[in-house]
Amino acid sequence: MADIEYTNQPEIETTGLKESVTADSELKTWLVDFVGEQHTPEDGQVTVEMVVHTMADQFPELLMAIAEENWVRGYQQAIHDVEMGEKLIHEEMQKRQQEEQENDTAESD
C-alpha cells in the first residue's frame, strides 16, 4: 500500500476533526478502542481526526468512496449555483433594459 502524506493546513481544517469521539454504540466502542491502540493519545481521548487517519491507513477505499460522493455533490451544487447566478443576472439585465426603454419612451413624449 502506498504511503499517505498528511498535510497540516490550519486555514482549511474543520473544527469537527478535533472533537473527541464518544463511544455510544457497539461499533463506535470497537472503533475508539482500535484507534486508541493505534495512536495512543496522551490524554486517552480519541478524536475524529485520529479515526480519519486510521481509516485512511486501514480502509482507504471507504474514505475514497465518501470523498468521491462529496466531490460529486459539491460539483453539482456549484453548477446549480452558477446556473442560478446566470439566470439572476439575465433577469436583472432584462429588467434594466425594460426600465431604460420605458425611460426613453417617457422622455420622447
PDB file of N, CA and C in Angstrom:
ATOM      1  N   MET A   1       0.843  -1.170   0.000  1.00  0.00           N
ATOM      2  CA  MET A   1       0.000   0.000   0.000  1.00  0.00           C
ATOM      3  C   MET A   1       0.893   1.239   0.000  1.00  0.00           C
ATOM      4  N   ALA A   2       0.451   2.259  -0.725  1.00  0.00           N
ATOM      5  CA  ALA A   2       1.223   3.499  -0.812  1.00  0.00           C
ATOM      6  C   ALA A   2       1.147   4.267   0.498  1.00  0.00           C
ATOM      7  N   ASP A   3       2.241   4.945   0.809  1.00  0.00           N
ATOM      8  CA  ASP A   3       2.245   5.795   1.993  1.00  0.00           C
ATOM      9  C   ASP A   3       1.374   7.010   1.729  1.00  0.00           C
ATOM     10  N   ILE A   4       0.640   7.421   2.728  1.00  0.00           N
ATOM     11  CA  ILE A   4      -0.231   8.586   2.621  1.00  0.00           C
ATOM     12  C   ILE A   4       0.426   9.724   3.374  1.00  0.00           C
ATOM     13  N   GLU A   5       0.588  10.848   2.689  1.00  0.00           N
ATOM     14  CA  GLU A   5       1.192  12.017   3.322  1.00  0.00           C
ATOM     15  C   GLU A   5       0.086  12.949   3.779  1.00  0.00           C
ATOM     16  N   TYR A   6       0.124  13.330   5.041  1.00  0.00           N
ATOM     17  CA  TYR A   6      -0.853  14.251   5.588  1.00  0.00           C
ATOM     18  C   TYR A   6      -0.228  15.631   5.656  1.00  0.00           C
ATOM     19  N   THR A   7      -1.002  16.610   5.255  1.00  0.00           N
ATOM     20  CA  THR A   7      -0.522  17.986   5.346  1.00  0.00           C
ATOM     21  C   THR A   7      -1.285  18.699   6.443  1.00  0.00           C
ATOM     22  N   ASN A   8      -0.680  19.708   6.988  1.00  0.00           N
ATOM     23  CA  ASN A   8      -1.318  20.479   8.034  1.00  0.00           C
ATOM     24  C   ASN A   8      -1.539  21.890   7.509  1.00  0.00           C
ATOM     25  N   GLN A   9      -2.747  22.163   7.092  1.00  0.00           N
ATOM     26  CA  GLN A   9      -3.097  23.487   6.597  1.00  0.00           C
ATOM     27  C   GLN A   9      -4.233  24.011   7.465  1.00  0.00           C
ATOM     28  N   PRO A  10      -3.896  24.711   8.556  1.00  0.00           N
ATOM     29  CA  PRO A  10      -4.923  25.161   9.513  1.00  0.00           C
ATOM     30  C   PRO A  10      -6.030  25.996   8.881  1.00  0.00           C
ATOM     31  N   GLU A  11      -5.726  26.710   7.816  1.00  0.00           N
ATOM     32  CA  GLU A  11      -6.748  27.565   7.215  1.00  0.00           C
ATOM     33  C   GLU A  11      -7.876  26.769   6.571  1.00  0.00           C
ATOM     34  N   ILE A  12      -7.667  25.465   6.309  1.00  0.00           N
ATOM     35  CA  ILE A  12      -8.732  24.673   5.708  1.00  0.00           C
ATOM     36  C   ILE A  12      -9.217  23.538   6.610  1.00  0.00           C
ATOM     37  N   GLU A  13      -8.741  23.480   7.839  1.00  0.00           N
ATOM     38  CA  GLU A  13      -9.183  22.443   8.754  1.00  0.00           C
ATOM     39  C   GLU A  13     -10.592  22.733   9.251  1.00  0.00           C
ATOM     40  N   THR A  14     -11.313  21.669   9.516  1.00  0.00           N
ATOM     41  CA  THR A  14     -12.632  21.826  10.107  1.00  0.00           C
ATOM     42  C   THR A  14     -12.536  21.565  11.599  1.00  0.00           C
ATOM     43  N   THR A  15     -13.369  22.225  12.367  1.00  0.00           N
ATOM     44  CA  THR A  15     -13.299  22.079  13.814  1.00  0.00           C
ATOM     45  C   THR A  15     -13.735  20.693  14.266  1.00  0.00           C
ATOM     46  N   GLY A  16     -14.551  20.024  13.498  1.00  0.00           N
ATOM     47  CA  GLY A  16     -15.037  18.703  13.868  1.00  0.00           C
ATOM     48  C   GLY A  16     -13.943  17.667  14.016  1.00  0.00           C
ATOM     49  N   LEU A  17     -12.821  17.864  13.356  1.00  0.00           N
ATOM     50  CA  LEU A  17     -11.730  16.890  13.427  1.00  0.00           C
ATOM     51  C   LEU A  17     -11.126  16.801  14.818  1.00  0.00           C
ATOM     52  N   LYS A  18     -11.184  17.868  15.582  1.00  0.00           N
ATOM     53  CA  LYS A  18     -10.561  17.904  16.910  1.00  0.00           C
ATOM     54  C   LYS A  18     -11.492  17.393  18.010  1.00  0.00           C
ATOM     55  N   GLU A  19     -12.742  17.119  17.668  1.00  0.00           N
ATOM     56  CA  GLU A  19     -13.701  16.655  18.669  1.00  0.00           C
ATOM     57  C   GLU A  19     -13.391  15.231  19.109  1.00  0.00           C
ATOM     58  N   SER A  20     -13.573  14.984  20.394  1.00  0.00           N
ATOM     59  CA  SER A  20     -13.410  13.629  20.922  1.00  0.00           C
ATOM     60  C   SER A  20     -14.599  12.785  20.497  1.00  0.00           C
ATOM     61  N   VAL A  21     -14.333  11.509  20.275  1.00  0.00           N
ATOM     62  CA  VAL A  21     -15.383  10.584  19.866  1.00  0.00           C
ATOM     63  C   VAL A  21     -15.969   9.930  21.111  1.00  0.00           C
ATOM     64  N   THR A  22     -17.276   9.955  21.217  1.00  0.00           N
ATOM     65  CA  THR A  22     -17.969   9.299  22.319  1.00  0.00           C
ATOM     66  C   THR A  22     -18.370   7.907  21.867  1.00  0.00           C
ATOM     67  N   ALA A  23     -17.938   6.907  22.590  1.00  0.00           N
ATOM     68  CA  ALA A  23     -18.240   5.521  22.240  1.00  0.00           C
ATOM     69  C   ALA A  23     -19.634   5.166  22.741  1.00  0.00           C
ATOM     70  N   ASP A  24     -20.649   5.572  21.980  1.00  0.00           N
ATOM     71  CA  ASP A  24     -22.023   5.359  22.427  1.00  0.00           C
ATOM     72  C   ASP A  24     -22.766   4.290  21.623  1.00  0.00           C
ATOM     73  N   SER A  25     -22.018   3.461  20.918  1.00  0.00           N
ATOM     74  CA  SER A  25     -22.603   2.313  20.234  1.00  0.00           C
ATOM     75  C   SER A  25     -21.538   1.213  20.179  1.00  0.00           C
ATOM     76  N   GLU A  26     -21.965   0.028  19.844  1.00  0.00           N
ATOM     77  CA  GLU A  26     -21.025  -1.095  19.801  1.00  0.00           C
ATOM     78  C   GLU A  26     -19.914  -0.849  18.775  1.00  0.00           C
ATOM     79  N   LEU A  27     -20.290  -0.367  17.595  1.00  0.00           N
ATOM     80  CA  LEU A  27     -19.294  -0.104  16.550  1.00  0.00           C
ATOM     81  C   LEU A  27     -18.330   1.000  16.978  1.00  0.00           C
ATOM     82  N   LYS A  28     -18.862   2.087  17.540  1.00  0.00           N
ATOM     83  CA  LYS A  28     -18.002   3.187  17.956  1.00  0.00           C
ATOM     84  C   LYS A  28     -17.078   2.768  19.097  1.00  0.00           C
ATOM     85  N   THR A  29     -17.569   1.930  19.983  1.00  0.00           N
ATOM     86  CA  THR A  29     -16.719   1.428  21.070  1.00  0.00           C
ATOM     87  C   THR A  29     -15.549   0.653  20.497  1.00  0.00           C
ATOM     88  N   TRP A  30     -15.845  -0.235  19.560  1.00  0.00           N
ATOM     89  CA  TRP A  30     -14.771  -1.013  18.931  1.00  0.00           C
ATOM     90  C   TRP A  30     -13.801  -0.090  18.201  1.00  0.00           C
ATOM     91  N   LEU A  31     -14.350   0.863  17.443  1.00  0.00           N
ATOM     92  CA  LEU A  31     -13.510   1.753  16.648  1.00  0.00           C
ATOM     93  C   LEU A  31     -12.639   2.645  17.535  1.00  0.00           C
ATOM     94  N   VAL A  32     -13.212   3.204  18.578  1.00  0.00           N
ATOM     95  CA  VAL A  32     -12.447   4.049  19.503  1.00  0.00           C
ATOM     96  C   VAL A  32     -11.325   3.235  20.147  1.00  0.00           C
ATOM     97  N   ASP A  33     -11.623   2.009  20.549  1.00  0.00           N
ATOM     98  CA  ASP A  33     -10.584   1.154  21.136  1.00  0.00           C
ATOM     99  C   ASP A  33      -9.479   0.867  20.122  1.00  0.00           C
ATOM    100  N   PHE A  34      -9.861   0.533  18.901  1.00  0.00           N
ATOM    101  CA  PHE A  34      -8.888   0.225  17.857  1.00  0.00           C
ATOM    102  C   PHE A  34      -8.013   1.439  17.550  1.00  0.00           C
ATOM    103  N   VAL A  35      -8.655   2.580  17.348  1.00  0.00           N
ATOM    104  CA  VAL A  35      -7.923   3.811  17.025  1.00  0.00           C
ATOM    105  C   VAL A  35      -7.044   4.225  18.194  1.00  0.00           C
ATOM    106  N   GLY A  36      -7.546   4.083  19.407  1.00  0.00           N
ATOM    107  CA  GLY A  36      -6.755   4.406  20.591  1.00  0.00           C
ATOM    108  C   GLY A  36      -5.492   3.569  20.680  1.00  0.00           C
ATOM    109  N   GLU A  37      -5.590   2.282  20.321  1.00  0.00           N
ATOM    110  CA  GLU A  37      -4.404   1.419  20.312  1.00  0.00           C
ATOM    111  C   GLU A  37      -3.411   1.844  19.230  1.00  0.00           C
ATOM    112  N   GLN A  38      -3.915   2.356  18.109  1.00  0.00           N
ATOM    113  CA  GLN A  38      -3.058   2.788  17.008  1.00  0.00           C
ATOM    114  C   GLN A  38      -2.337   4.099  17.330  1.00  0.00           C
ATOM    115  N   HIS A  39      -3.030   5.006  17.979  1.00  0.00           N
ATOM    116  CA  HIS A  39      -2.485   6.356  18.202  1.00  0.00           C
ATOM    117  C   HIS A  39      -1.988   6.600  19.626  1.00  0.00           C
ATOM    118  N   THR A  40      -2.421   5.836  20.556  1.00  0.00           N
ATOM    119  CA  THR A  40      -2.088   6.001  21.980  1.00  0.00           C
ATOM    120  C   THR A  40      -2.029   7.473  22.404  1.00  0.00           C
ATOM    121  N   PRO A  41      -3.179   8.151  22.380  1.00  0.00           N
ATOM    122  CA  PRO A  41      -3.193   9.570  22.769  1.00  0.00           C
ATOM    123  C   PRO A  41      -2.834   9.729  24.241  1.00  0.00           C
ATOM    124  N   GLU A  42      -2.073  10.789  24.529  1.00  0.00           N
ATOM    125  CA  GLU A  42      -1.627  11.040  25.903  1.00  0.00           C
ATOM    126  C   GLU A  42      -2.788  11.225  26.869  1.00  0.00           C
ATOM    127  N   ASP A  43      -3.823  11.921  26.408  1.00  0.00           N
ATOM    128  CA  ASP A  43      -4.959  12.171  27.300  1.00  0.00           C
ATOM    129  C   ASP A  43      -6.012  11.065  27.241  1.00  0.00           C
ATOM    130  N   GLY A  44      -5.776  10.060  26.419  1.00  0.00           N
ATOM    131  CA  GLY A  44      -6.703   8.940  26.313  1.00  0.00           C
ATOM    132  C   GLY A  44      -7.925   9.222  25.459  1.00  0.00           C
ATOM    133  N   GLN A  45      -8.020  10.428  24.922  1.00  0.00           N
ATOM    134  CA  GLN A  45      -9.170  10.820  24.108  1.00  0.00           C
ATOM    135  C   GLN A  45      -8.885  10.561  22.633  1.00  0.00           C
ATOM    136  N   VAL A  46      -9.765   9.829  21.992  1.00  0.00           N
ATOM    137  CA  VAL A  46      -9.659   9.583  20.552  1.00  0.00           C
ATOM    138  C   VAL A  46     -10.475  10.656  19.846  1.00  0.00           C
ATOM    139  N   THR A  47      -9.851  11.337  18.885  1.00  0.00           N
ATOM    140  CA  THR A  47     -10.535  12.397  18.146  1.00  0.00           C
ATOM    141  C   THR A  47     -10.997  11.878  16.789  1.00  0.00           C
ATOM    142  N   VAL A  48     -11.893  12.633  16.180  1.00  0.00           N
ATOM    143  CA  VAL A  48     -12.376  12.302  14.846  1.00  0.00           C
ATOM    144  C   VAL A  48     -11.197  12.262  13.871  1.00  0.00           C
ATOM    145  N   GLU A  49     -10.260  13.175  14.044  1.00  0.00           N
ATOM    146  CA  GLU A  49      -9.087  13.214  13.167  1.00  0.00           C
ATOM    147  C   GLU A  49      -8.287  11.922  13.256  1.00  0.00           C
ATOM    148  N   MET A  50      -8.133  11.377  14.455  1.00  0.00           N
ATOM    149  CA  MET A  50      -7.423  10.111  14.617  1.00  0.00           C
ATOM    150  C   MET A  50      -8.160   8.982  13.903  1.00  0.00           C
ATOM    151  N   VAL A  51      -9.480   8.998  13.986  1.00  0.00           N
ATOM    152  CA  VAL A  51     -10.281   7.983  13.296  1.00  0.00           C
ATOM    153  C   VAL A  51     -10.084   8.103  11.787  1.00  0.00           C
ATOM    154  N   VAL A  52     -10.129   9.331  11.278  1.00  0.00           N
ATOM    155  CA  VAL A  52      -9.955   9.547   9.835  1.00  0.00           C
ATOM    156  C   VAL A  52      -8.580   9.057   9.386  1.00  0.00           C
ATOM    157  N   HIS A  53      -7.534   9.385  10.141  1.00  0.00           N
ATOM    158  CA  HIS A  53      -6.182   8.940   9.777  1.00  0.00           C
ATOM    159  C   HIS A  53      -6.092   7.412   9.788  1.00  0.00           C
ATOM    160  N   THR A  54      -6.683   6.811  10.797  1.00  0.00           N
ATOM    161  CA  THR A  54      -6.648   5.348  10.882  1.00  0.00           C
ATOM    162  C   THR A  54      -7.418   4.729   9.727  1.00  0.00           C
ATOM    163  N   MET A  55      -8.584   5.275   9.421  1.00  0.00           N
ATOM    164  CA  MET A  55      -9.374   4.751   8.300  1.00  0.00           C
ATOM    165  C   MET A  55      -8.625   4.933   6.978  1.00  0.00           C
ATOM    166  N   ALA A  56      -7.921   6.047   6.825  1.00  0.00           N
ATOM    167  CA  ALA A  56      -7.144   6.273   5.601  1.00  0.00           C
ATOM    168  C   ALA A  56      -6.045   5.226   5.465  1.00  0.00           C
ATOM    169  N   ASP A  57      -5.440   4.846   6.577  1.00  0.00           N
ATOM    170  CA  ASP A  57      -4.388   3.824   6.545  1.00  0.00           C
ATOM    171  C   ASP A  57      -4.954   2.427   6.378  1.00  0.00           C
ATOM    172  N   GLN A  58      -6.044   2.126   7.090  1.00  0.00           N
ATOM    173  CA  GLN A  58      -6.561   0.768   7.170  1.00  0.00           C
ATOM    174  C   GLN A  58      -7.661   0.446   6.149  1.00  0.00           C
ATOM    175  N   PHE A  59      -8.416   1.455   5.707  1.00  0.00           N
ATOM    176  CA  PHE A  59      -9.576   1.215   4.840  1.00  0.00           C
ATOM    177  C   PHE A  59      -9.744   2.400   3.884  1.00  0.00           C
ATOM    178  N   PRO A  60      -8.727   2.654   3.046  1.00  0.00           N
ATOM    179  CA  PRO A  60      -8.779   3.835   2.175  1.00  0.00           C
ATOM    180  C   PRO A  60      -9.927   3.799   1.164  1.00  0.00           C
ATOM    181  N   GLU A  61     -10.374   2.601   0.804  1.00  0.00           N
ATOM    182  CA  GLU A  61     -11.472   2.500  -0.165  1.00  0.00           C
ATOM    183  C   GLU A  61     -12.744   3.159   0.369  1.00  0.00           C
ATOM    184  N   LEU A  62     -12.984   3.031   1.661  1.00  0.00           N
ATOM    185  CA  LEU A  62     -14.169   3.642   2.255  1.00  0.00           C
ATOM    186  C   LEU A  62     -14.074   5.163   2.183  1.00  0.00           C
ATOM    187  N   LEU A  63     -12.929   5.702   2.586  1.00  0.00           N
ATOM    188  CA  LEU A  63     -12.790   7.161   2.557  1.00  0.00           C
ATOM    189  C   LEU A  63     -12.821   7.700   1.132  1.00  0.00           C
ATOM    190  N   MET A  64     -12.275   6.943   0.189  1.00  0.00           N
ATOM    191  CA  MET A  64     -12.318   7.392  -1.210  1.00  0.00           C
ATOM    192  C   MET A  64     -13.754   7.438  -1.719  1.00  0.00           C
ATOM    193  N   ALA A  65     -14.554   6.432  -1.363  1.00  0.00           N
ATOM    194  CA  ALA A  65     -15.956   6.428  -1.788  1.00  0.00           C
ATOM    195  C   ALA A  65     -16.697   7.622  -1.200  1.00  0.00           C
ATOM    196  N   ILE A  66     -16.451   7.916   0.063  1.00  0.00           N
ATOM    197  CA  ILE A  66     -17.093   9.067   0.712  1.00  0.00           C
ATOM    198  C   ILE A  66     -16.608  10.370   0.075  1.00  0.00           C
ATOM    199  N   ALA A  67     -15.309  10.470  -0.166  1.00  0.00           N
ATOM    200  CA  ALA A  67     -14.745  11.688  -0.766  1.00  0.00           C
ATOM    201  C   ALA A  67     -15.279  11.899  -2.184  1.00  0.00           C
ATOM    202  N   GLU A  68     -15.371  10.835  -2.960  1.00  0.00           N
ATOM    203  CA  GLU A  68     -15.886  10.955  -4.329  1.00  0.00           C
ATOM    204  C   GLU A  68     -17.333  11.430  -4.324  1.00  0.00           C
ATOM    205  N   GLU A  69     -18.139  10.850  -3.444  1.00  0.00           N
ATOM    206  CA  GLU A  69     -19.545  11.247  -3.349  1.00  0.00           C
ATOM    207  C   GLU A  69     -19.649  12.718  -2.941  1.00  0.00           C
ATOM    208  N   ASN A  70     -18.846  13.120  -1.985  1.00  0.00           N
ATOM    209  CA  ASN A  70     -18.838  14.509  -1.531  1.00  0.00           C
ATOM    210  C   ASN A  70     -18.406  15.438  -2.664  1.00  0.00           C
ATOM    211  N   TRP A  71     -17.407  15.030  -3.417  1.00  0.00           N
ATOM    212  CA  TRP A  71     -16.931  15.858  -4.527  1.00  0.00           C
ATOM    213  C   TRP A  71     -18.013  16.013  -5.588  1.00  0.00           C
ATOM    214  N   VAL A  72     -18.660  14.907  -5.951  1.00  0.00           N
ATOM    215  CA  VAL A  72     -19.705  14.964  -6.977  1.00  0.00           C
ATOM    216  C   VAL A  72     -20.842  15.870  -6.526  1.00  0.00           C
ATOM    217  N   ARG A  73     -21.266  15.710  -5.289  1.00  0.00           N
ATOM    218  CA  ARG A  73     -22.353  16.560  -4.784  1.00  0.00           C
ATOM    219  C   ARG A  73     -21.938  18.027  -4.753  1.00  0.00           C
ATOM    220  N   GLY A  74     -20.715  18.303  -4.365  1.00  0.00           N
ATOM    221  CA  GLY A  74     -20.221  19.673  -4.356  1.00  0.00           C
ATOM    222  C   GLY A  74     -20.152  20.257  -5.754  1.00  0.00           C
ATOM    223  N   TYR A  75     -19.715  19.448  -6.705  1.00  0.00           N
ATOM    224  CA  TYR A  75     -19.626  19.891  -8.099  1.00  0.00           C
ATOM    225  C   TYR A  75     -21.028  20.179  -8.641  1.00  0.00           C
ATOM    226  N   GLN A  76     -21.989  19.291  -8.357  1.00  0.00           N
ATOM    227  CA  GLN A  76     -23.365  19.515  -8.797  1.00  0.00           C
ATOM    228  C   GLN A  76     -23.924  20.802  -8.197  1.00  0.00           C
ATOM    229  N   GLN A  77     -23.634  21.039  -6.929  1.00  0.00           N
ATOM    230  CA  GLN A  77     -24.113  22.262  -6.283  1.00  0.00           C
ATOM    231  C   GLN A  77     -23.490  23.496  -6.924  1.00  0.00           C
ATOM    232  N   ALA A  78     -22.199  23.404  -7.249  1.00  0.00           N
ATOM    233  CA  ALA A  78     -21.523  24.534  -7.891  1.00  0.00           C
ATOM    234  C   ALA A  78     -22.145  24.836  -9.254  1.00  0.00           C
ATOM    235  N   ILE A  79     -22.444  23.801 -10.023  1.00  0.00           N
ATOM    236  CA  ILE A  79     -23.079  24.012 -11.330  1.00  0.00           C
ATOM    237  C   ILE A  79     -24.446  24.656 -11.151  1.00  0.00           C
ATOM    238  N   HIS A  80     -25.195  24.164 -10.199  1.00  0.00           N
ATOM    239  CA  HIS A  80     -26.510  24.742  -9.916  1.00  0.00           C
ATOM    240  C   HIS A  80     -26.373  26.220  -9.539  1.00  0.00           C
ATOM    241  N   ASP A  81     -25.408  26.531  -8.675  1.00  0.00           N
ATOM    242  CA  ASP A  81     -25.201  27.913  -8.239  1.00  0.00           C
ATOM    243  C   ASP A  81     -24.843  28.820  -9.418  1.00  0.00           C
ATOM    244  N   VAL A  82     -23.996  28.325 -10.325  1.00  0.00           N
ATOM    245  CA  VAL A  82     -23.615  29.118 -11.495  1.00  0.00           C
ATOM    246  C   VAL A  82     -24.834  29.350 -12.386  1.00  0.00           C
ATOM    247  N   GLU A  83     -25.605  28.300 -12.626  1.00  0.00           N
ATOM    248  CA  GLU A  83     -26.799  28.444 -13.464  1.00  0.00           C
ATOM    249  C   GLU A  83     -27.784  29.433 -12.848  1.00  0.00           C
ATOM    250  N   MET A  84     -27.959  29.359 -11.537  1.00  0.00           N
ATOM    251  CA  MET A  84     -28.865  30.275 -10.856  1.00  0.00           C
ATOM    252  C   MET A  84     -28.334  31.703 -10.941  1.00  0.00           C
ATOM    253  N   GLY A  85     -27.029  31.867 -10.766  1.00  0.00           N
ATOM    254  CA  GLY A  85     -26.423  33.189 -10.883  1.00  0.00           C
ATOM    255  C   GLY A  85     -26.601  33.771 -12.269  1.00  0.00           C
ATOM    256  N   GLU A  86     -26.405  32.943 -13.290  1.00  0.00           N
ATOM    257  CA  GLU A  86     -26.598  33.399 -14.672  1.00  0.00           C
ATOM    258  C   GLU A  86     -28.048  33.811 -14.913  1.00  0.00           C
ATOM    259  N   LYS A  87     -28.973  33.032 -14.368  1.00  0.00           N
ATOM    260  CA  LYS A  87     -30.395  33.347 -14.526  1.00  0.00           C
ATOM    261  C   LYS A  87     -30.714  34.686 -13.869  1.00  0.00           C
ATOM    262  N   LEU A  88     -30.203  34.905 -12.656  1.00  0.00           N
ATOM    263  CA  LEU A  88     -30.462  36.161 -11.946  1.00  0.00           C
ATOM    264  C   LEU A  88     -29.859  37.354 -12.689  1.00  0.00           C
ATOM    265  N   ILE A  89     -28.648  37.170 -13.219  1.00  0.00           N
ATOM    266  CA  ILE A  89     -28.013  38.250 -13.993  1.00  0.00           C
ATOM    267  C   ILE A  89     -28.831  38.557 -15.237  1.00  0.00           C
ATOM    268  N   HIS A  90     -29.275  37.525 -15.937  1.00  0.00           N
ATOM    269  CA  HIS A  90     -30.076  37.701 -17.147  1.00  0.00           C
ATOM    270  C   HIS A  90     -31.377  38.444 -16.818  1.00  0.00           C
ATOM    271  N   GLU A  91     -32.045  38.039 -15.731  1.00  0.00           N
ATOM    272  CA  GLU A  91     -33.288  38.708 -15.328  1.00  0.00           C
ATOM    273  C   GLU A  91     -33.040  40.168 -14.981  1.00  0.00           C
ATOM    274  N   GLU A  92     -31.951  40.442 -14.283  1.00  0.00           N
ATOM    275  CA  GLU A  92     -31.628  41.825 -13.914  1.00  0.00           C
ATOM    276  C   GLU A  92     -31.318  42.658 -15.149  1.00  0.00           C
ATOM    277  N   MET A  93     -30.608  42.080 -16.096  1.00  0.00           N
ATOM    278  CA  MET A  93     -30.291  42.813 -17.333  1.00  0.00           C
ATOM    279  C   MET A  93     -31.571  43.125 -18.115  1.00  0.00           C
ATOM    280  N   GLN A  94     -32.475  42.150 -18.182  1.00  0.00           N
ATOM    281  CA  GLN A  94     -33.742  42.385 -18.877  1.00  0.00           C
ATOM    282  C   GLN A  94     -34.538  43.483 -18.183  1.00  0.00           C
ATOM    283  N   LYS A  95     -34.559  43.459 -16.854  1.00  0.00           N
ATOM    284  CA  LYS A  95     -35.279  44.467 -16.077  1.00  0.00           C
ATOM    285  C   LYS A  95     -34.710  45.853 -16.353  1.00  0.00           C
ATOM    286  N   ARG A  96     -33.380  45.955 -16.367  1.00  0.00           N
ATOM    287  CA  ARG A  96     -32.747  47.261 -16.613  1.00  0.00           C
ATOM    288  C   ARG A  96     -33.005  47.742 -18.041  1.00  0.00           C
ATOM    289  N   GLN A  97     -32.958  46.825 -19.010  1.00  0.00           N
ATOM    290  CA  GLN A  97     -33.245  47.210 -20.400  1.00  0.00           C
ATOM    291  C   GLN A  97     -34.679  47.710 -20.534  1.00  0.00           C
ATOM    292  N   GLN A  98     -35.604  47.015 -19.861  1.00  0.00           N
ATOM    293  CA  GLN A  98     -37.004  47.426 -19.917  1.00  0.00           C
ATOM    294  C   GLN A  98     -37.173  48.802 -19.281  1.00  0.00           C
ATOM    295  N   GLU A  99     -36.501  49.043 -18.153  1.00  0.00           N
ATOM    296  CA  GLU A  99     -36.584  50.344 -17.490  1.00  0.00           C
ATOM    297  C   GLU A  99     -36.013  51.443 -18.382  1.00  0.00           C
ATOM    298  N   GLU A 100     -34.903  51.147 -19.080  1.00  0.00           N
ATOM    299  CA  GLU A 100     -34.305  52.139 -19.984  1.00  0.00           C
ATOM    300  C   GLU A 100     -35.262  52.462 -21.129  1.00  0.00           C
ATOM    301  N   GLN A 101     -35.882  51.415 -21.667  1.00  0.00           N
ATOM    302  CA  GLN A 101     -36.841  51.643 -22.774  1.00  0.00           C
ATOM    303  C   GLN A 101     -38.019  52.484 -22.295  1.00  0.00           C
ATOM    304  N   GLU A 102     -38.511  52.191 -21.079  1.00  0.00           N
ATOM    305  CA  GLU A 102     -39.620  52.969 -20.539  1.00  0.00           C
ATOM    306  C   GLU A 102     -39.204  54.413 -20.319  1.00  0.00           C
ATOM    307  N   ASN A 103     -37.980  54.629 -19.829  1.00  0.00           N
ATOM    308  CA  ASN A 103     -37.475  55.991 -19.615  1.00  0.00           C
ATOM    309  C   ASN A 103     -37.323  56.722 -20.941  1.00  0.00           C
ATOM    310  N   ASP A 104     -36.799  56.036 -21.943  1.00  0.00           N
ATOM    311  CA  ASP A 104     -36.642  56.650 -23.274  1.00  0.00           C
ATOM    312  C   ASP A 104     -37.987  57.017 -23.868  1.00  0.00           C
ATOM    313  N   THR A 105     -38.970  56.161 -23.685  1.00  0.00           N
ATOM    314  CA  THR A 105     -40.314  56.428 -24.202  1.00  0.00           C
ATOM    315  C   THR A 105     -40.933  57.609 -23.479  1.00  0.00           C
ATOM    316  N   ALA A 106     -40.744  57.673 -22.155  1.00  0.00           N
ATOM    317  CA  ALA A 106     -41.298  58.770 -21.369  1.00  0.00           C
ATOM    318  C   ALA A 106     -40.633  60.090 -21.722  1.00  0.00           C
ATOM    319  N   GLU A 107     -39.335  60.079 -22.012  1.00  0.00           N
ATOM    320  CA  GLU A 107     -38.625  61.305 -22.361  1.00  0.00           C
ATOM    321  C   GLU A 107     -39.025  61.805 -23.740  1.00  0.00           C
ATOM    322  N   SER A 108     -39.348  60.913 -24.649  1.00  0.00           N
ATOM    323  CA  SER A 108     -39.681  61.325 -26.006  1.00  0.00           C
ATOM    324  C   SER A 108     -41.125  61.828 -26.104  1.00  0.00           C
ATOM    325  N   ASP A 109     -41.917  61.583 -25.099  1.00  0.00           N
ATOM    326  CA  ASP A 109     -43.306  62.063 -25.117  1.00  0.00           C
ATOM    327  C   ASP A 109     -43.429  63.495 -24.760  1.00  0.00           C
TER     328      ASP A 109
END
